[in-house]
Amino acid sequence: MGAGVRVIDPPRSRSWKATAQEHMRLARGRRPLLEGPVRVVILAVFACPKSDYRRKFNGLRWCDRAYGDADNIAKAVLDAGNSVLWLDDRQVASLKVDRIIGVPGEGERVWISASKIEDFCDQAAEVGLGRDIPGQKASQHPDGQKGPL
């Protein structure tokens, strides 16, 4: 057994990350890197297959095909954001990923929103997440019990 972990990052993935980092740098401008807990929202829009151009979407654009898994999309975006938007992706405390199919003719893209979470401990205590924090009011279960949900 080896002492380390071998990580494989295919050339296509490295190329996408490099392009994403350039766009992230331009969007960030002169603002400093995000520090502390960060919230990230990702919207990945995939091209509509030509075979579906005549299909009526009725507002439903959920991606049910063999496109990238949400966790793989998140990993690529979070890795690309390291040292570009935030110091390290370990800072990401809140993450939302949506995958949809674009309307016919709409191009593929990834939209990213990243923001610092202010007073994360206060928010966590209010909604009953995790353990009670000293100095904070106790989290409440829906049935009135104290402690984490």
C-alpha atoms as a PDB file:
ATOM      1  CA  MET A   1       0.000   0.000   0.000  1.00  0.00           C
ATOM      2  CA  GLY A   2       1.235   3.438  -0.903  1.00  0.00           C
ATOM      3  CA  ALA A   3       1.599   6.245   1.582  1.00  0.00           C
ATOM      4  CA  GLY A   4      -0.070   8.865  -0.608  1.00  0.00           C
ATOM      5  CA  VAL A   5      -3.170   9.355  -2.677  1.00  0.00           C
ATOM      6  CA  ARG A   6      -2.866   9.606  -6.429  1.00  0.00           C
ATOM      7  CA  VAL A   7      -5.176  12.185  -7.976  1.00  0.00           C
ATOM      8  CA  ILE A   8      -5.866  12.125 -11.706  1.00  0.00           C
ATOM      9  CA  ASP A   9      -6.946  15.367 -13.348  1.00  0.00           C
ATOM     10  CA  PRO A  10      -7.593  14.783 -17.077  1.00  0.00           C
ATOM     11  CA  PRO A  11      -6.323  17.379 -19.580  1.00  0.00           C
ATOM     12  CA  ARG A  12      -9.885  18.443 -20.488  1.00  0.00           C
ATOM     13  CA  SER A  13     -10.608  19.162 -16.808  1.00  0.00           C
ATOM     14  CA  ARG A  14      -7.341  21.109 -16.376  1.00  0.00           C
ATOM     15  CA  SER A  15      -8.173  23.186 -19.450  1.00  0.00           C
ATOM     16  CA  TRP A  16     -11.679  23.987 -18.168  1.00  0.00           C
ATOM     17  CA  LYS A  17     -10.316  24.975 -14.751  1.00  0.00           C
ATOM     18  CA  ALA A  18      -7.720  27.282 -16.315  1.00  0.00           C
ATOM     19  CA  THR A  19     -10.411  29.002 -18.406  1.00  0.00           C
ATOM     20  CA  ALA A  20     -12.719  29.253 -15.377  1.00  0.00           C
ATOM     21  CA  GLN A  21      -9.914  30.796 -13.300  1.00  0.00           C
ATOM     22  CA  GLU A  22      -9.363  33.514 -15.908  1.00  0.00           C
ATOM     23  CA  HIS A  23     -13.066  34.398 -15.849  1.00  0.00           C
ATOM     24  CA  MET A  24     -13.044  34.336 -12.033  1.00  0.00           C
ATOM     25  CA  ARG A  25     -10.038  36.685 -11.893  1.00  0.00           C
ATOM     26  CA  LEU A  26     -11.743  39.135 -14.252  1.00  0.00           C
ATOM     27  CA  ALA A  27     -14.986  39.015 -12.249  1.00  0.00           C
ATOM     28  CA  ARG A  28     -13.200  39.497  -8.909  1.00  0.00           C
ATOM     29  CA  GLY A  29     -11.220  42.476 -10.159  1.00  0.00           C
ATOM     30  CA  ARG A  30      -9.278  44.139  -7.331  1.00  0.00           C
ATOM     31  CA  ARG A  31     -11.463  42.762  -4.548  1.00  0.00           C
ATOM     32  CA  PRO A  32      -9.579  40.634  -1.990  1.00  0.00           C
ATOM     33  CA  LEU A  33      -9.989  36.871  -1.712  1.00  0.00           C
ATOM     34  CA  LEU A  34     -12.931  35.776   0.403  1.00  0.00           C
ATOM     35  CA  GLU A  35     -11.935  34.810   3.930  1.00  0.00           C
ATOM     36  CA  GLY A  36     -13.891  32.837   6.515  1.00  0.00           C
ATOM     37  CA  PRO A  37     -16.980  30.771   5.707  1.00  0.00           C
ATOM     38  CA  VAL A  38     -18.168  31.105   2.099  1.00  0.00           C
ATOM     39  CA  ARG A  39     -21.483  30.401   0.350  1.00  0.00           C
ATOM     40  CA  VAL A  40     -21.253  29.196  -3.274  1.00  0.00           C
ATOM     41  CA  VAL A  41     -24.139  28.851  -5.723  1.00  0.00           C
ATOM     42  CA  ILE A  42     -23.484  27.131  -9.069  1.00  0.00           C
ATOM     43  CA  LEU A  43     -25.775  26.936 -12.102  1.00  0.00           C
ATOM     44  CA  ALA A  44     -24.538  24.669 -14.899  1.00  0.00           C
ATOM     45  CA  VAL A  45     -26.430  25.064 -18.180  1.00  0.00           C
ATOM     46  CA  PHE A  46     -25.956  22.292 -20.743  1.00  0.00           C
ATOM     47  CA  ALA A  47     -26.801  22.583 -24.443  1.00  0.00           C
ATOM     48  CA  CYS A  48     -30.189  21.302 -25.528  1.00  0.00           C
ATOM     49  CA  PRO A  49     -29.735  18.244 -27.740  1.00  0.00           C
ATOM     50  CA  LYS A  50     -30.939  18.895 -31.305  1.00  0.00           C
ATOM     51  CA  SER A  51     -33.245  15.888 -30.943  1.00  0.00           C
ATOM     52  CA  ASP A  52     -35.142  17.852 -28.260  1.00  0.00           C
ATOM     53  CA  TYR A  53     -35.528  21.121 -30.217  1.00  0.00           C
ATOM     54  CA  ARG A  54     -39.182  20.389 -31.044  1.00  0.00           C
ATOM     55  CA  ARG A  55     -40.050  19.161 -27.556  1.00  0.00           C
ATOM     56  CA  LYS A  56     -42.000  21.608 -25.423  1.00  0.00           C
ATOM     57  CA  PHE A  57     -40.169  22.422 -22.210  1.00  0.00           C
ATOM     58  CA  ASN A  58     -43.123  23.794 -20.206  1.00  0.00           C
ATOM     59  CA  GLY A  59     -40.613  25.528 -17.946  1.00  0.00           C
ATOM     60  CA  LEU A  60     -39.056  22.217 -16.818  1.00  0.00           C
ATOM     61  CA  ARG A  61     -35.376  22.207 -17.705  1.00  0.00           C
ATOM     62  CA  TRP A  62     -34.020  19.711 -15.202  1.00  0.00           C
ATOM     63  CA  CYS A  63     -30.984  17.883 -16.544  1.00  0.00           C
ATOM     64  CA  ASP A  64     -31.836  14.176 -16.503  1.00  0.00           C
ATOM     65  CA  ARG A  65     -29.277  13.061 -19.052  1.00  0.00           C
ATOM     66  CA  ALA A  66     -25.728  11.769 -18.711  1.00  0.00           C
ATOM     67  CA  TYR A  67     -24.148  15.193 -18.238  1.00  0.00           C
ATOM     68  CA  GLY A  68     -21.745  15.912 -15.396  1.00  0.00           C
ATOM     69  CA  ASP A  69     -22.857  14.901 -11.922  1.00  0.00           C
ATOM     70  CA  ALA A  70     -23.571  17.811  -9.577  1.00  0.00           C
ATOM     71  CA  ASP A  71     -20.759  16.756  -7.233  1.00  0.00           C
ATOM     72  CA  ASN A  72     -18.236  16.648 -10.093  1.00  0.00           C
ATOM     73  CA  ILE A  73     -19.345  20.075 -11.307  1.00  0.00           C
ATOM     74  CA  ALA A  74     -18.975  21.438  -7.778  1.00  0.00           C
ATOM     75  CA  LYS A  75     -15.506  19.891  -7.384  1.00  0.00           C
ATOM     76  CA  ALA A  76     -14.277  21.486 -10.624  1.00  0.00           C
ATOM     77  CA  VAL A  77     -15.668  24.914  -9.700  1.00  0.00           C
ATOM     78  CA  LEU A  78     -14.379  24.777  -6.116  1.00  0.00           C
ATOM     79  CA  ASP A  79     -10.913  23.660  -7.245  1.00  0.00           C
ATOM     80  CA  ALA A  80     -10.809  26.461  -9.840  1.00  0.00           C
ATOM     81  CA  GLY A  81     -11.772  29.017  -7.171  1.00  0.00           C
ATOM     82  CA  ASN A  82      -8.836  28.136  -4.900  1.00  0.00           C
ATOM     83  CA  SER A  83      -6.509  31.156  -4.560  1.00  0.00           C
ATOM     84  CA  VAL A  84      -8.682  33.004  -7.109  1.00  0.00           C
ATOM     85  CA  LEU A  85     -11.982  33.672  -5.289  1.00  0.00           C
ATOM     86  CA  TRP A  86     -11.227  32.204  -1.849  1.00  0.00           C
ATOM     87  CA  LEU A  87      -8.093  30.987  -0.102  1.00  0.00           C
ATOM     88  CA  ASP A  88      -9.085  27.298  -0.063  1.00  0.00           C
ATOM     89  CA  ASP A  89     -12.258  25.370  -0.887  1.00  0.00           C
ATOM     90  CA  ARG A  90     -12.361  24.141   2.726  1.00  0.00           C
ATOM     91  CA  GLN A  91     -13.902  27.548   3.461  1.00  0.00           C
ATOM     92  CA  VAL A  92     -17.078  26.627   1.550  1.00  0.00           C
ATOM     93  CA  ALA A  93     -19.683  26.097   4.257  1.00  0.00           C
ATOM     94  CA  SER A  94     -22.779  26.385   2.036  1.00  0.00           C
ATOM     95  CA  LEU A  95     -23.025  24.950  -1.476  1.00  0.00           C
ATOM     96  CA  LYS A  96     -25.892  24.744  -3.973  1.00  0.00           C
ATOM     97  CA  VAL A  97     -25.533  23.200  -7.431  1.00  0.00           C
ATOM     98  CA  ASP A  98     -28.234  23.198 -10.132  1.00  0.00           C
ATOM     99  CA  ARG A  99     -27.888  21.470 -13.517  1.00  0.00           C
ATOM    100  CA  ILE A 100     -30.310  22.379 -16.275  1.00  0.00           C
ATOM    101  CA  ILE A 101     -30.691  21.975 -20.033  1.00  0.00           C
ATOM    102  CA  GLY A 102     -30.693  25.255 -21.924  1.00  0.00           C
ATOM    103  CA  VAL A 103     -33.505  26.214 -24.236  1.00  0.00           C
ATOM    104  CA  PRO A 104     -32.884  25.379 -27.912  1.00  0.00           C
ATOM    105  CA  GLY A 105     -30.021  27.506 -29.204  1.00  0.00           C
ATOM    106  CA  GLU A 106     -28.797  28.534 -25.741  1.00  0.00           C
ATOM    107  CA  GLY A 107     -25.092  27.954 -25.195  1.00  0.00           C
ATOM    108  CA  GLU A 108     -23.455  26.016 -22.379  1.00  0.00           C
ATOM    109  CA  ARG A 109     -22.174  27.971 -19.403  1.00  0.00           C
ATOM    110  CA  VAL A 110     -21.526  27.845 -15.688  1.00  0.00           C
ATOM    111  CA  TRP A 111     -22.745  30.684 -13.475  1.00  0.00           C
ATOM    112  CA  ILE A 112     -21.086  31.050 -10.072  1.00  0.00           C
ATOM    113  CA  SER A 113     -21.960  33.232  -7.109  1.00  0.00           C
ATOM    114  CA  ALA A 114     -19.596  33.302  -4.126  1.00  0.00           C
ATOM    115  CA  SER A 115     -20.064  35.375  -1.007  1.00  0.00           C
ATOM    116  CA  LYS A 116     -18.776  35.526   2.529  1.00  0.00           C
ATOM    117  CA  ILE A 117     -21.210  34.239   5.143  1.00  0.00           C
ATOM    118  CA  GLU A 118     -21.474  36.825   7.898  1.00  0.00           C
ATOM    119  CA  ASP A 119     -22.114  35.546  11.417  1.00  0.00           C
ATOM    120  CA  PHE A 120     -22.275  31.902  10.282  1.00  0.00           C
ATOM    121  CA  CYS A 121     -22.371  30.632  13.881  1.00  0.00           C
ATOM    122  CA  ASP A 122     -25.434  32.779  14.641  1.00  0.00           C
ATOM    123  CA  GLN A 123     -27.211  31.483  11.523  1.00  0.00           C
ATOM    124  CA  ALA A 124     -26.358  27.869  12.349  1.00  0.00           C
ATOM    125  CA  ALA A 125     -27.705  28.213  15.895  1.00  0.00           C
ATOM    126  CA  GLU A 126     -30.911  29.860  14.666  1.00  0.00           C
ATOM    127  CA  VAL A 127     -31.824  27.015  12.328  1.00  0.00           C
ATOM    128  CA  GLY A 128     -30.663  24.270  14.700  1.00  0.00           C
ATOM    129  CA  LEU A 129     -27.648  23.038  12.776  1.00  0.00           C
ATOM    130  CA  GLY A 130     -24.844  21.210  14.520  1.00  0.00           C
ATOM    131  CA  ARG A 131     -24.035  21.402  18.198  1.00  0.00           C
ATOM    132  CA  ASP A 132     -25.034  24.224  20.451  1.00  0.00           C
ATOM    133  CA  ILE A 133     -22.434  26.952  20.505  1.00  0.00           C
ATOM    134  CA  PRO A 134     -21.330  28.340  23.898  1.00  0.00           C
ATOM    135  CA  GLY A 135     -22.755  31.796  24.383  1.00  0.00           C
ATOM    136  CA  GLN A 136     -25.498  31.203  21.809  1.00  0.00           C
ATOM    137  CA  LYS A 137     -29.109  30.330  22.492  1.00  0.00           C
ATOM    138  CA  ALA A 138     -29.813  26.591  22.348  1.00  0.00           C
ATOM    139  CA  SER A 139     -31.089  25.164  19.076  1.00  0.00           C
ATOM    140  CA  GLN A 140     -34.638  23.939  19.190  1.00  0.00           C
ATOM    141  CA  HIS A 141     -36.021  20.739  17.703  1.00  0.00           C
ATOM    142  CA  PRO A 142     -39.440  21.005  16.102  1.00  0.00           C
ATOM    143  CA  ASP A 143     -40.731  18.907  19.034  1.00  0.00           C
ATOM    144  CA  GLY A 144     -39.232  21.312  21.613  1.00  0.00           C
ATOM    145  CA  GLN A 145     -36.126  19.314  22.611  1.00  0.00           C
ATOM    146  CA  LYS A 146     -32.813  21.134  22.955  1.00  0.00           C
ATOM    147  CA  GLY A 147     -29.686  20.242  21.040  1.00  0.00           C
ATOM    148  CA  PRO A 148     -28.765  19.471  17.444  1.00  0.00           C
ATOM    149  CA  LEU A 149     -31.418  18.249  15.050  1.00  0.00           C
END
